[in-house]
Amino acid sequence: MTEYLLRPSKKTPPLPQDLLDDLHKRGWQVELNLKAENGVWEDIRFFRPGPPEEIECFLLHDPEALTYIVSLPAMPANGAQELQFHVLDILLNRLGGAVEDYETHRTLTQSELEAWARKYKSGLKGILSRPTHDLFWFLFPWVVSVGGILYSIFGNPVNRLPALLVTIPALLSAIGMTFFAHKD
């Protein structure tokens, strides 16, 4: 689980609705759950309900230490890290300061976070930004479909019907997976 600690230069915490509006402007259709005490918010859970997967990111505010912690669940869904970096970028834009990675104790600048955000805005979203095993399962039905179509055209005439019976579900699966990959 990757956690980042933000030590802001401004002391006034941002309003949760402003953070949500900024995420919506960036194309993240997320919701939030808010926990507040004595009129000051302490933690926010940003989430996008599934299907295909629920994406979550947590923002904890310590008003006494004037710090923010942006973290992910133990088993984050695809896209959760991107949401985490967008939350960090918004906080840095609003509050200034520095971000520290808890695992590496490396301090990140706003320019490093902006470079990361530009990479995702440039179209590296979707299926290509996912782990390799997701890419395999994305391509598998397309390969089976193309192979089945080619075998139906050029293969043994006796085996055309079984080839088509395998090809049709694979093609439907490939189309559905492509639709949901681009929908994310």
N, C-alpha and C. Protein backbone atom coordinates (compact mmCIF):
# COMPACT_ATOMS: atom_id res chain seq x y z
N MET A 1 0.85 -1.18 0.00
CA MET A 1 0.00 0.00 0.00
C MET A 1 0.89 1.23 0.00
N THR A 2 0.71 2.10 -0.97
CA THR A 2 1.48 3.32 -1.08
C THR A 2 0.77 4.45 -0.34
N GLU A 3 1.51 5.09 0.54
CA GLU A 3 0.97 6.24 1.26
C GLU A 3 1.88 7.43 1.03
N TYR A 4 1.26 8.59 0.95
CA TYR A 4 2.01 9.82 0.78
C TYR A 4 1.61 10.79 1.88
N LEU A 5 2.60 11.48 2.41
CA LEU A 5 2.39 12.47 3.46
C LEU A 5 2.60 13.85 2.85
N LEU A 6 1.61 14.71 3.00
CA LEU A 6 1.70 16.08 2.49
C LEU A 6 1.84 17.03 3.66
N ARG A 7 2.91 17.82 3.61
CA ARG A 7 3.11 18.89 4.59
C ARG A 7 2.85 20.21 3.85
N PRO A 8 1.66 20.78 4.05
CA PRO A 8 1.28 21.95 3.25
C PRO A 8 1.94 23.23 3.75
N SER A 9 2.04 24.21 2.86
CA SER A 9 2.54 25.52 3.27
C SER A 9 1.39 26.42 3.72
N LYS A 10 0.17 26.12 3.29
CA LYS A 10 -1.01 26.87 3.74
C LYS A 10 -1.69 26.07 4.85
N LYS A 11 -2.24 26.77 5.83
CA LYS A 11 -2.81 26.08 6.99
C LYS A 11 -4.29 25.79 6.87
N THR A 12 -5.01 26.51 6.04
CA THR A 12 -6.45 26.31 5.92
C THR A 12 -6.75 25.09 5.07
N PRO A 13 -7.46 24.10 5.62
CA PRO A 13 -7.76 22.91 4.82
C PRO A 13 -8.75 23.23 3.72
N PRO A 14 -8.62 22.56 2.57
CA PRO A 14 -9.58 22.80 1.48
C PRO A 14 -10.94 22.20 1.84
N LEU A 15 -11.97 22.78 1.26
CA LEU A 15 -13.31 22.24 1.47
C LEU A 15 -13.45 20.93 0.68
N PRO A 16 -14.08 19.92 1.27
CA PRO A 16 -14.24 18.65 0.56
C PRO A 16 -14.97 18.80 -0.78
N GLN A 17 -15.95 19.69 -0.84
CA GLN A 17 -16.69 19.89 -2.08
C GLN A 17 -15.78 20.46 -3.17
N ASP A 18 -14.83 21.33 -2.79
CA ASP A 18 -13.88 21.87 -3.76
C ASP A 18 -12.97 20.78 -4.32
N LEU A 19 -12.53 19.87 -3.44
CA LEU A 19 -11.70 18.75 -3.90
C LEU A 19 -12.48 17.86 -4.87
N LEU A 20 -13.74 17.60 -4.52
CA LEU A 20 -14.59 16.77 -5.38
C LEU A 20 -14.83 17.46 -6.73
N ASP A 21 -15.08 18.77 -6.71
CA ASP A 21 -15.27 19.51 -7.96
C ASP A 21 -14.02 19.45 -8.84
N ASP A 22 -12.83 19.58 -8.22
CA ASP A 22 -11.59 19.51 -8.99
C ASP A 22 -11.40 18.13 -9.62
N LEU A 23 -11.75 17.08 -8.88
CA LEU A 23 -11.66 15.74 -9.45
C LEU A 23 -12.64 15.55 -10.60
N HIS A 24 -13.84 16.12 -10.46
CA HIS A 24 -14.83 16.02 -11.55
C HIS A 24 -14.34 16.77 -12.79
N LYS A 25 -13.69 17.92 -12.59
CA LYS A 25 -13.15 18.67 -13.73
C LYS A 25 -12.07 17.88 -14.46
N ARG A 26 -11.37 17.01 -13.73
CA ARG A 26 -10.33 16.18 -14.33
C ARG A 26 -10.88 14.89 -14.93
N GLY A 27 -12.19 14.72 -14.87
CA GLY A 27 -12.81 13.55 -15.48
C GLY A 27 -13.05 12.39 -14.53
N TRP A 28 -12.82 12.57 -13.25
CA TRP A 28 -13.05 11.52 -12.28
C TRP A 28 -14.45 11.67 -11.71
N GLN A 29 -15.34 10.77 -12.08
CA GLN A 29 -16.70 10.79 -11.56
C GLN A 29 -16.73 9.96 -10.28
N VAL A 30 -16.23 10.56 -9.21
CA VAL A 30 -16.14 9.88 -7.92
C VAL A 30 -17.12 10.50 -6.94
N GLU A 31 -17.38 9.77 -5.89
CA GLU A 31 -18.19 10.25 -4.78
C GLU A 31 -17.29 10.32 -3.57
N LEU A 32 -17.81 10.90 -2.48
CA LEU A 32 -16.99 10.94 -1.27
C LEU A 32 -17.82 10.64 -0.04
N ASN A 33 -17.15 10.04 0.94
CA ASN A 33 -17.68 9.86 2.28
C ASN A 33 -16.80 10.71 3.18
N LEU A 34 -17.41 11.45 4.06
CA LEU A 34 -16.69 12.44 4.87
C LEU A 34 -16.89 12.15 6.35
N LYS A 35 -15.82 12.24 7.11
CA LYS A 35 -15.90 12.14 8.56
C LYS A 35 -15.38 13.45 9.14
N ALA A 36 -16.23 14.12 9.92
CA ALA A 36 -15.85 15.41 10.49
C ALA A 36 -16.14 15.41 11.99
N GLU A 37 -15.36 16.21 12.70
CA GLU A 37 -15.56 16.38 14.13
C GLU A 37 -15.36 17.85 14.46
N ASN A 38 -16.29 18.41 15.21
CA ASN A 38 -16.23 19.82 15.61
C ASN A 38 -16.11 20.75 14.41
N GLY A 39 -16.78 20.42 13.32
CA GLY A 39 -16.79 21.29 12.15
C GLY A 39 -15.55 21.20 11.28
N VAL A 40 -14.58 20.33 11.62
CA VAL A 40 -13.36 20.17 10.83
C VAL A 40 -13.32 18.73 10.34
N TRP A 41 -13.13 18.56 9.03
CA TRP A 41 -13.09 17.21 8.49
C TRP A 41 -11.76 16.55 8.83
N GLU A 42 -11.85 15.23 9.09
CA GLU A 42 -10.66 14.46 9.45
C GLU A 42 -10.26 13.47 8.37
N ASP A 43 -11.25 12.85 7.74
CA ASP A 43 -10.89 11.96 6.65
C ASP A 43 -12.00 11.92 5.60
N ILE A 44 -11.53 11.67 4.37
CA ILE A 44 -12.41 11.60 3.21
C ILE A 44 -12.09 10.30 2.48
N ARG A 45 -13.12 9.62 2.07
CA ARG A 45 -12.96 8.44 1.22
C ARG A 45 -13.53 8.81 -0.15
N PHE A 46 -12.65 8.92 -1.14
CA PHE A 46 -13.08 9.12 -2.52
C PHE A 46 -13.27 7.75 -3.13
N PHE A 47 -14.38 7.53 -3.83
CA PHE A 47 -14.61 6.23 -4.43
C PHE A 47 -15.47 6.35 -5.67
N ARG A 48 -15.26 5.39 -6.55
CA ARG A 48 -16.11 5.20 -7.72
C ARG A 48 -16.63 3.79 -7.64
N PRO A 49 -17.95 3.63 -7.45
CA PRO A 49 -18.49 2.28 -7.33
C PRO A 49 -18.34 1.50 -8.63
N GLY A 50 -18.27 0.18 -8.49
CA GLY A 50 -18.15 -0.69 -9.65
C GLY A 50 -19.48 -0.83 -10.34
N PRO A 51 -19.62 -1.62 -11.36
CA PRO A 51 -18.62 -2.47 -11.96
C PRO A 51 -17.70 -1.69 -12.88
N PRO A 52 -16.61 -2.13 -13.31
CA PRO A 52 -16.08 -3.45 -13.04
C PRO A 52 -15.45 -3.57 -11.66
N GLU A 53 -14.81 -2.51 -11.16
CA GLU A 53 -14.19 -2.56 -9.85
C GLU A 53 -14.45 -1.25 -9.13
N GLU A 54 -14.52 -1.32 -7.82
CA GLU A 54 -14.64 -0.10 -7.04
C GLU A 54 -13.25 0.48 -6.83
N ILE A 55 -13.10 1.76 -7.13
CA ILE A 55 -11.82 2.44 -6.95
C ILE A 55 -11.95 3.31 -5.70
N GLU A 56 -10.96 3.22 -4.81
CA GLU A 56 -10.98 3.98 -3.57
C GLU A 56 -9.66 4.69 -3.36
N CYS A 57 -9.74 5.83 -2.68
CA CYS A 57 -8.56 6.58 -2.25
C CYS A 57 -8.95 7.29 -0.95
N PHE A 58 -8.06 7.27 0.03
CA PHE A 58 -8.36 7.85 1.33
C PHE A 58 -7.50 9.09 1.57
N LEU A 59 -8.11 10.12 2.12
CA LEU A 59 -7.41 11.35 2.47
C LEU A 59 -7.66 11.61 3.96
N LEU A 60 -6.59 11.53 4.74
CA LEU A 60 -6.68 11.77 6.18
C LEU A 60 -6.05 13.11 6.51
N HIS A 61 -6.72 13.88 7.35
CA HIS A 61 -6.25 15.21 7.72
C HIS A 61 -6.01 15.23 9.22
N ASP A 62 -4.80 15.62 9.63
CA ASP A 62 -4.48 15.78 11.04
C ASP A 62 -4.40 17.28 11.31
N PRO A 63 -5.47 17.88 11.88
CA PRO A 63 -5.46 19.33 12.07
C PRO A 63 -4.42 19.82 13.07
N GLU A 64 -4.02 18.97 14.01
CA GLU A 64 -3.01 19.39 14.99
C GLU A 64 -1.62 19.42 14.38
N ALA A 65 -1.27 18.41 13.60
CA ALA A 65 0.05 18.35 12.97
C ALA A 65 0.07 19.08 11.64
N LEU A 66 -1.10 19.50 11.15
CA LEU A 66 -1.23 20.18 9.85
C LEU A 66 -0.63 19.35 8.72
N THR A 67 -0.99 18.08 8.69
CA THR A 67 -0.53 17.18 7.63
C THR A 67 -1.72 16.45 7.02
N TYR A 68 -1.49 15.91 5.84
CA TYR A 68 -2.48 15.12 5.11
C TYR A 68 -1.81 13.82 4.69
N ILE A 69 -2.54 12.73 4.78
CA ILE A 69 -2.04 11.43 4.31
C ILE A 69 -3.01 10.96 3.22
N VAL A 70 -2.45 10.64 2.05
CA VAL A 70 -3.24 10.13 0.93
C VAL A 70 -2.82 8.68 0.74
N SER A 71 -3.77 7.76 0.92
CA SER A 71 -3.44 6.33 0.87
C SER A 71 -4.47 5.56 0.06
N LEU A 72 -4.14 4.30 -0.19
CA LEU A 72 -4.99 3.38 -0.94
C LEU A 72 -5.33 2.19 -0.07
N PRO A 73 -6.36 1.42 -0.42
CA PRO A 73 -6.63 0.19 0.32
C PRO A 73 -5.52 -0.84 0.11
N ALA A 74 -5.55 -1.90 0.91
CA ALA A 74 -4.50 -2.93 0.84
C ALA A 74 -4.42 -3.57 -0.54
N MET A 75 -5.54 -3.82 -1.18
CA MET A 75 -5.58 -4.41 -2.52
C MET A 75 -6.25 -3.41 -3.46
N PRO A 76 -5.51 -2.40 -3.94
CA PRO A 76 -6.16 -1.37 -4.76
C PRO A 76 -6.56 -1.89 -6.13
N ALA A 77 -7.65 -1.36 -6.63
CA ALA A 77 -8.13 -1.69 -7.97
C ALA A 77 -7.31 -0.93 -9.01
N ASN A 78 -7.43 -1.37 -10.26
CA ASN A 78 -6.79 -0.65 -11.36
C ASN A 78 -7.34 0.77 -11.39
N GLY A 79 -6.49 1.73 -11.52
CA GLY A 79 -6.92 3.12 -11.57
C GLY A 79 -6.86 3.82 -10.24
N ALA A 80 -6.72 3.08 -9.14
CA ALA A 80 -6.69 3.71 -7.82
C ALA A 80 -5.45 4.58 -7.63
N GLN A 81 -4.32 4.11 -8.14
CA GLN A 81 -3.10 4.90 -8.00
C GLN A 81 -3.19 6.20 -8.80
N GLU A 82 -3.82 6.14 -9.95
CA GLU A 82 -4.01 7.36 -10.74
C GLU A 82 -4.88 8.35 -9.98
N LEU A 83 -5.95 7.87 -9.35
CA LEU A 83 -6.81 8.73 -8.53
C LEU A 83 -6.01 9.31 -7.37
N GLN A 84 -5.16 8.50 -6.76
CA GLN A 84 -4.34 8.97 -5.64
C GLN A 84 -3.43 10.12 -6.08
N PHE A 85 -2.79 9.98 -7.23
CA PHE A 85 -1.91 11.05 -7.71
C PHE A 85 -2.68 12.31 -8.08
N HIS A 86 -3.89 12.16 -8.58
CA HIS A 86 -4.70 13.34 -8.89
C HIS A 86 -5.10 14.06 -7.59
N VAL A 87 -5.44 13.31 -6.55
CA VAL A 87 -5.75 13.93 -5.26
C VAL A 87 -4.53 14.67 -4.73
N LEU A 88 -3.36 14.05 -4.82
CA LEU A 88 -2.13 14.70 -4.38
C LEU A 88 -1.85 15.97 -5.18
N ASP A 89 -2.03 15.90 -6.48
CA ASP A 89 -1.79 17.07 -7.34
C ASP A 89 -2.74 18.21 -6.99
N ILE A 90 -4.00 17.89 -6.76
CA ILE A 90 -4.98 18.92 -6.38
C ILE A 90 -4.60 19.55 -5.05
N LEU A 91 -4.20 18.72 -4.08
CA LEU A 91 -3.81 19.25 -2.77
C LEU A 91 -2.57 20.15 -2.89
N LEU A 92 -1.60 19.72 -3.70
CA LEU A 92 -0.40 20.56 -3.89
C LEU A 92 -0.75 21.88 -4.57
N ASN A 93 -1.66 21.85 -5.53
CA ASN A 93 -2.07 23.09 -6.19
C ASN A 93 -2.77 24.03 -5.22
N ARG A 94 -3.58 23.48 -4.33
CA ARG A 94 -4.35 24.31 -3.40
C ARG A 94 -3.55 24.74 -2.18
N LEU A 95 -2.67 23.86 -1.69
CA LEU A 95 -2.01 24.11 -0.41
C LEU A 95 -0.51 24.35 -0.49
N GLY A 96 0.10 23.97 -1.61
CA GLY A 96 1.55 24.08 -1.70
C GLY A 96 2.20 23.04 -0.80
N GLY A 97 3.49 23.18 -0.54
CA GLY A 97 4.18 22.27 0.36
C GLY A 97 4.93 21.18 -0.37
N ALA A 98 5.16 20.08 0.35
CA ALA A 98 5.93 18.96 -0.19
C ALA A 98 5.23 17.65 0.15
N VAL A 99 5.47 16.66 -0.70
CA VAL A 99 4.89 15.33 -0.53
C VAL A 99 6.02 14.35 -0.28
N GLU A 100 5.82 13.48 0.72
CA GLU A 100 6.82 12.46 1.02
C GLU A 100 6.20 11.09 0.84
N ASP A 101 6.91 10.21 0.14
CA ASP A 101 6.49 8.82 -0.03
C ASP A 101 6.91 8.07 1.23
N TYR A 102 5.93 7.45 1.91
CA TYR A 102 6.22 6.74 3.16
C TYR A 102 7.19 5.57 2.96
N GLU A 103 7.06 4.86 1.87
CA GLU A 103 7.89 3.67 1.64
C GLU A 103 9.34 4.02 1.35
N THR A 104 9.55 4.97 0.48
CA THR A 104 10.92 5.30 0.05
C THR A 104 11.49 6.51 0.77
N HIS A 105 10.66 7.23 1.49
CA HIS A 105 11.05 8.48 2.17
C HIS A 105 11.60 9.51 1.19
N ARG A 106 11.13 9.41 -0.04
CA ARG A 106 11.54 10.34 -1.09
C ARG A 106 10.55 11.49 -1.14
N THR A 107 11.05 12.70 -1.25
CA THR A 107 10.19 13.86 -1.37
C THR A 107 9.92 14.13 -2.84
N LEU A 108 8.64 14.27 -3.15
CA LEU A 108 8.22 14.52 -4.53
C LEU A 108 7.86 15.99 -4.70
N THR A 109 8.24 16.53 -5.82
CA THR A 109 7.90 17.91 -6.12
C THR A 109 6.61 17.93 -6.92
N GLN A 110 6.05 19.11 -7.04
CA GLN A 110 4.82 19.24 -7.82
C GLN A 110 5.09 18.96 -9.29
N SER A 111 6.26 19.31 -9.78
CA SER A 111 6.56 19.06 -11.20
C SER A 111 6.61 17.56 -11.50
N GLU A 112 7.10 16.74 -10.55
CA GLU A 112 7.10 15.29 -10.77
C GLU A 112 5.68 14.74 -10.82
N LEU A 113 4.82 15.25 -9.95
CA LEU A 113 3.42 14.81 -9.97
C LEU A 113 2.71 15.29 -11.22
N GLU A 114 3.00 16.50 -11.67
CA GLU A 114 2.40 17.01 -12.90
C GLU A 114 2.85 16.20 -14.11
N ALA A 115 4.11 15.78 -14.13
CA ALA A 115 4.60 14.95 -15.23
C ALA A 115 3.86 13.62 -15.25
N TRP A 116 3.61 13.06 -14.09
CA TRP A 116 2.86 11.80 -14.01
C TRP A 116 1.43 11.99 -14.52
N ALA A 117 0.80 13.10 -14.11
CA ALA A 117 -0.58 13.37 -14.55
C ALA A 117 -0.64 13.58 -16.06
N ARG A 118 0.36 14.26 -16.64
CA ARG A 118 0.41 14.47 -18.09
C ARG A 118 0.51 13.15 -18.84
N LYS A 119 1.25 12.20 -18.27
CA LYS A 119 1.38 10.89 -18.90
C LYS A 119 0.01 10.23 -19.04
N TYR A 120 -0.83 10.36 -18.03
CA TYR A 120 -2.14 9.74 -18.09
C TYR A 120 -3.12 10.55 -18.94
N LYS A 121 -2.94 11.86 -19.00
CA LYS A 121 -3.81 12.67 -19.85
C LYS A 121 -3.48 12.46 -21.32
N SER A 122 -2.27 11.99 -21.62
CA SER A 122 -1.86 11.84 -23.01
C SER A 122 -2.42 10.59 -23.67
N GLY A 123 -3.25 9.84 -22.98
CA GLY A 123 -3.89 8.70 -23.61
C GLY A 123 -3.35 7.36 -23.19
N LEU A 124 -2.56 7.28 -22.16
CA LEU A 124 -2.03 6.01 -21.70
C LEU A 124 -3.03 5.31 -20.79
N LYS A 125 -4.27 5.77 -20.80
CA LYS A 125 -5.31 5.17 -19.98
C LYS A 125 -5.78 3.87 -20.59
N GLY A 126 -6.72 3.26 -19.92
CA GLY A 126 -7.38 2.08 -20.47
C GLY A 126 -6.57 0.82 -20.31
N ILE A 127 -6.70 -0.04 -21.27
CA ILE A 127 -6.14 -1.38 -21.15
C ILE A 127 -4.62 -1.37 -21.11
N LEU A 128 -3.95 -0.44 -21.78
CA LEU A 128 -2.49 -0.45 -21.81
C LEU A 128 -1.86 -0.03 -20.50
N SER A 129 -2.62 0.64 -19.62
CA SER A 129 -2.06 1.03 -18.33
C SER A 129 -2.27 -0.04 -17.27
N ARG A 130 -2.87 -1.15 -17.64
CA ARG A 130 -3.17 -2.22 -16.68
C ARG A 130 -2.04 -3.23 -16.64
N PRO A 131 -2.05 -4.09 -15.63
CA PRO A 131 -1.01 -5.13 -15.55
C PRO A 131 -1.03 -6.06 -16.76
N THR A 132 0.09 -6.76 -16.96
CA THR A 132 0.27 -7.62 -18.13
C THR A 132 -0.78 -8.72 -18.21
N HIS A 133 -1.16 -9.31 -17.08
CA HIS A 133 -2.15 -10.39 -17.14
C HIS A 133 -3.51 -9.86 -17.61
N ASP A 134 -3.84 -8.61 -17.30
CA ASP A 134 -5.07 -8.03 -17.82
C ASP A 134 -4.99 -7.86 -19.33
N LEU A 135 -3.82 -7.46 -19.81
CA LEU A 135 -3.64 -7.30 -21.26
C LEU A 135 -3.77 -8.66 -21.95
N PHE A 136 -3.23 -9.71 -21.35
CA PHE A 136 -3.36 -11.05 -21.92
C PHE A 136 -4.82 -11.44 -22.06
N TRP A 137 -5.61 -11.26 -20.99
CA TRP A 137 -7.02 -11.66 -21.04
C TRP A 137 -7.84 -10.75 -21.94
N PHE A 138 -7.35 -9.53 -22.16
CA PHE A 138 -8.00 -8.64 -23.11
C PHE A 138 -7.77 -9.12 -24.54
N LEU A 139 -6.55 -9.54 -24.85
CA LEU A 139 -6.21 -9.94 -26.22
C LEU A 139 -6.65 -11.37 -26.55
N PHE A 140 -6.76 -12.24 -25.56
CA PHE A 140 -7.08 -13.65 -25.80
C PHE A 140 -8.35 -13.85 -26.62
N PRO A 141 -9.50 -13.23 -26.26
CA PRO A 141 -10.69 -13.49 -27.09
C PRO A 141 -10.57 -12.94 -28.51
N TRP A 142 -9.79 -11.88 -28.70
CA TRP A 142 -9.59 -11.37 -30.05
C TRP A 142 -8.78 -12.36 -30.88
N VAL A 143 -7.76 -12.94 -30.28
CA VAL A 143 -6.93 -13.92 -31.00
C VAL A 143 -7.77 -15.15 -31.35
N VAL A 144 -8.58 -15.63 -30.39
CA VAL A 144 -9.44 -16.78 -30.65
C VAL A 144 -10.45 -16.45 -31.75
N SER A 145 -11.01 -15.25 -31.72
CA SER A 145 -12.00 -14.85 -32.73
C SER A 145 -11.40 -14.80 -34.12
N VAL A 146 -10.26 -14.15 -34.24
CA VAL A 146 -9.61 -14.04 -35.56
C VAL A 146 -9.20 -15.43 -36.05
N GLY A 147 -8.64 -16.24 -35.14
CA GLY A 147 -8.25 -17.60 -35.53
C GLY A 147 -9.45 -18.42 -35.97
N GLY A 148 -10.57 -18.30 -35.25
CA GLY A 148 -11.78 -19.04 -35.61
C GLY A 148 -12.34 -18.60 -36.95
N ILE A 149 -12.32 -17.30 -37.20
CA ILE A 149 -12.82 -16.79 -38.49
C ILE A 149 -11.93 -17.29 -39.63
N LEU A 150 -10.62 -17.20 -39.45
CA LEU A 150 -9.70 -17.67 -40.48
C LEU A 150 -9.85 -19.17 -40.72
N TYR A 151 -10.02 -19.94 -39.64
CA TYR A 151 -10.20 -21.39 -39.81
C TYR A 151 -11.52 -21.70 -40.50
N SER A 152 -12.56 -20.92 -40.19
CA SER A 152 -13.85 -21.13 -40.85
C SER A 152 -13.78 -20.86 -42.34
N ILE A 153 -12.96 -19.92 -42.74
CA ILE A 153 -12.83 -19.56 -44.15
C ILE A 153 -11.90 -20.52 -44.89
N PHE A 154 -10.72 -20.78 -44.30
CA PHE A 154 -9.69 -21.53 -45.01
C PHE A 154 -9.52 -22.97 -44.52
N GLY A 155 -10.18 -23.34 -43.44
CA GLY A 155 -9.97 -24.67 -42.86
C GLY A 155 -10.81 -25.75 -43.50
N ASN A 156 -10.79 -26.90 -42.89
CA ASN A 156 -11.52 -28.07 -43.33
C ASN A 156 -13.02 -27.79 -43.27
N PRO A 157 -13.77 -28.00 -44.36
CA PRO A 157 -15.20 -27.71 -44.37
C PRO A 157 -16.00 -28.49 -43.32
N VAL A 158 -15.53 -29.65 -42.93
CA VAL A 158 -16.23 -30.47 -41.94
C VAL A 158 -16.19 -29.79 -40.56
N ASN A 159 -15.12 -29.07 -40.27
CA ASN A 159 -14.93 -28.47 -38.95
C ASN A 159 -15.34 -27.00 -38.87
N ARG A 160 -16.00 -26.50 -39.89
CA ARG A 160 -16.39 -25.09 -39.88
C ARG A 160 -17.43 -24.77 -38.81
N LEU A 161 -18.41 -25.61 -38.63
CA LEU A 161 -19.45 -25.37 -37.63
C LEU A 161 -18.88 -25.35 -36.21
N PRO A 162 -18.06 -26.33 -35.79
CA PRO A 162 -17.47 -26.23 -34.45
C PRO A 162 -16.59 -24.99 -34.28
N ALA A 163 -15.88 -24.61 -35.35
CA ALA A 163 -15.05 -23.40 -35.26
C ALA A 163 -15.91 -22.16 -35.05
N LEU A 164 -17.04 -22.09 -35.74
CA LEU A 164 -17.94 -20.95 -35.56
C LEU A 164 -18.58 -20.95 -34.18
N LEU A 165 -18.86 -22.13 -33.64
CA LEU A 165 -19.45 -22.21 -32.29
C LEU A 165 -18.47 -21.71 -31.22
N VAL A 166 -17.20 -21.84 -31.45
CA VAL A 166 -16.19 -21.30 -30.54
C VAL A 166 -15.96 -19.81 -30.82
N THR A 167 -16.02 -19.43 -32.07
CA THR A 167 -15.71 -18.06 -32.47
C THR A 167 -16.76 -17.07 -31.99
N ILE A 168 -18.02 -17.41 -32.07
CA ILE A 168 -19.09 -16.47 -31.73
C ILE A 168 -19.00 -16.02 -30.26
N PRO A 169 -18.91 -16.93 -29.25
CA PRO A 169 -18.76 -16.44 -27.87
C PRO A 169 -17.47 -15.66 -27.64
N ALA A 170 -16.38 -16.09 -28.30
CA ALA A 170 -15.12 -15.36 -28.15
C ALA A 170 -15.25 -13.95 -28.71
N LEU A 171 -15.92 -13.80 -29.83
CA LEU A 171 -16.11 -12.49 -30.43
C LEU A 171 -16.99 -11.60 -29.54
N LEU A 172 -18.05 -12.17 -28.99
CA LEU A 172 -18.89 -11.40 -28.07
C LEU A 172 -18.11 -10.98 -26.83
N SER A 173 -17.29 -11.87 -26.31
CA SER A 173 -16.45 -11.55 -25.16
C SER A 173 -15.45 -10.44 -25.50
N ALA A 174 -14.83 -10.54 -26.66
CA ALA A 174 -13.85 -9.53 -27.07
C ALA A 174 -14.50 -8.16 -27.22
N ILE A 175 -15.67 -8.12 -27.82
CA ILE A 175 -16.37 -6.84 -28.00
C ILE A 175 -16.76 -6.26 -26.64
N GLY A 176 -17.28 -7.10 -25.75
CA GLY A 176 -17.65 -6.62 -24.42
C GLY A 176 -16.47 -6.11 -23.62
N MET A 177 -15.35 -6.83 -23.66
CA MET A 177 -14.17 -6.40 -22.92
C MET A 177 -13.61 -5.10 -23.49
N THR A 178 -13.65 -4.95 -24.79
CA THR A 178 -13.18 -3.72 -25.42
C THR A 178 -14.07 -2.54 -24.99
N PHE A 179 -15.36 -2.75 -24.98
CA PHE A 179 -16.29 -1.69 -24.58
C PHE A 179 -16.02 -1.25 -23.15
N PHE A 180 -15.88 -2.20 -22.22
CA PHE A 180 -15.67 -1.83 -20.82
C PHE A 180 -14.28 -1.28 -20.58
N ALA A 181 -13.28 -1.69 -21.35
CA ALA A 181 -11.93 -1.13 -21.20
C ALA A 181 -11.91 0.34 -21.61
N HIS A 182 -12.63 0.68 -22.66
CA HIS A 182 -12.67 2.07 -23.11
C HIS A 182 -13.60 2.91 -22.27
N LYS A 183 -14.56 2.27 -21.61
CA LYS A 183 -15.48 2.99 -20.75
C LYS A 183 -14.77 3.50 -19.50
N ASP A 184 -13.74 2.76 -19.02
CA ASP A 184 -12.97 3.19 -17.85
C ASP A 184 -12.20 4.43 -18.20
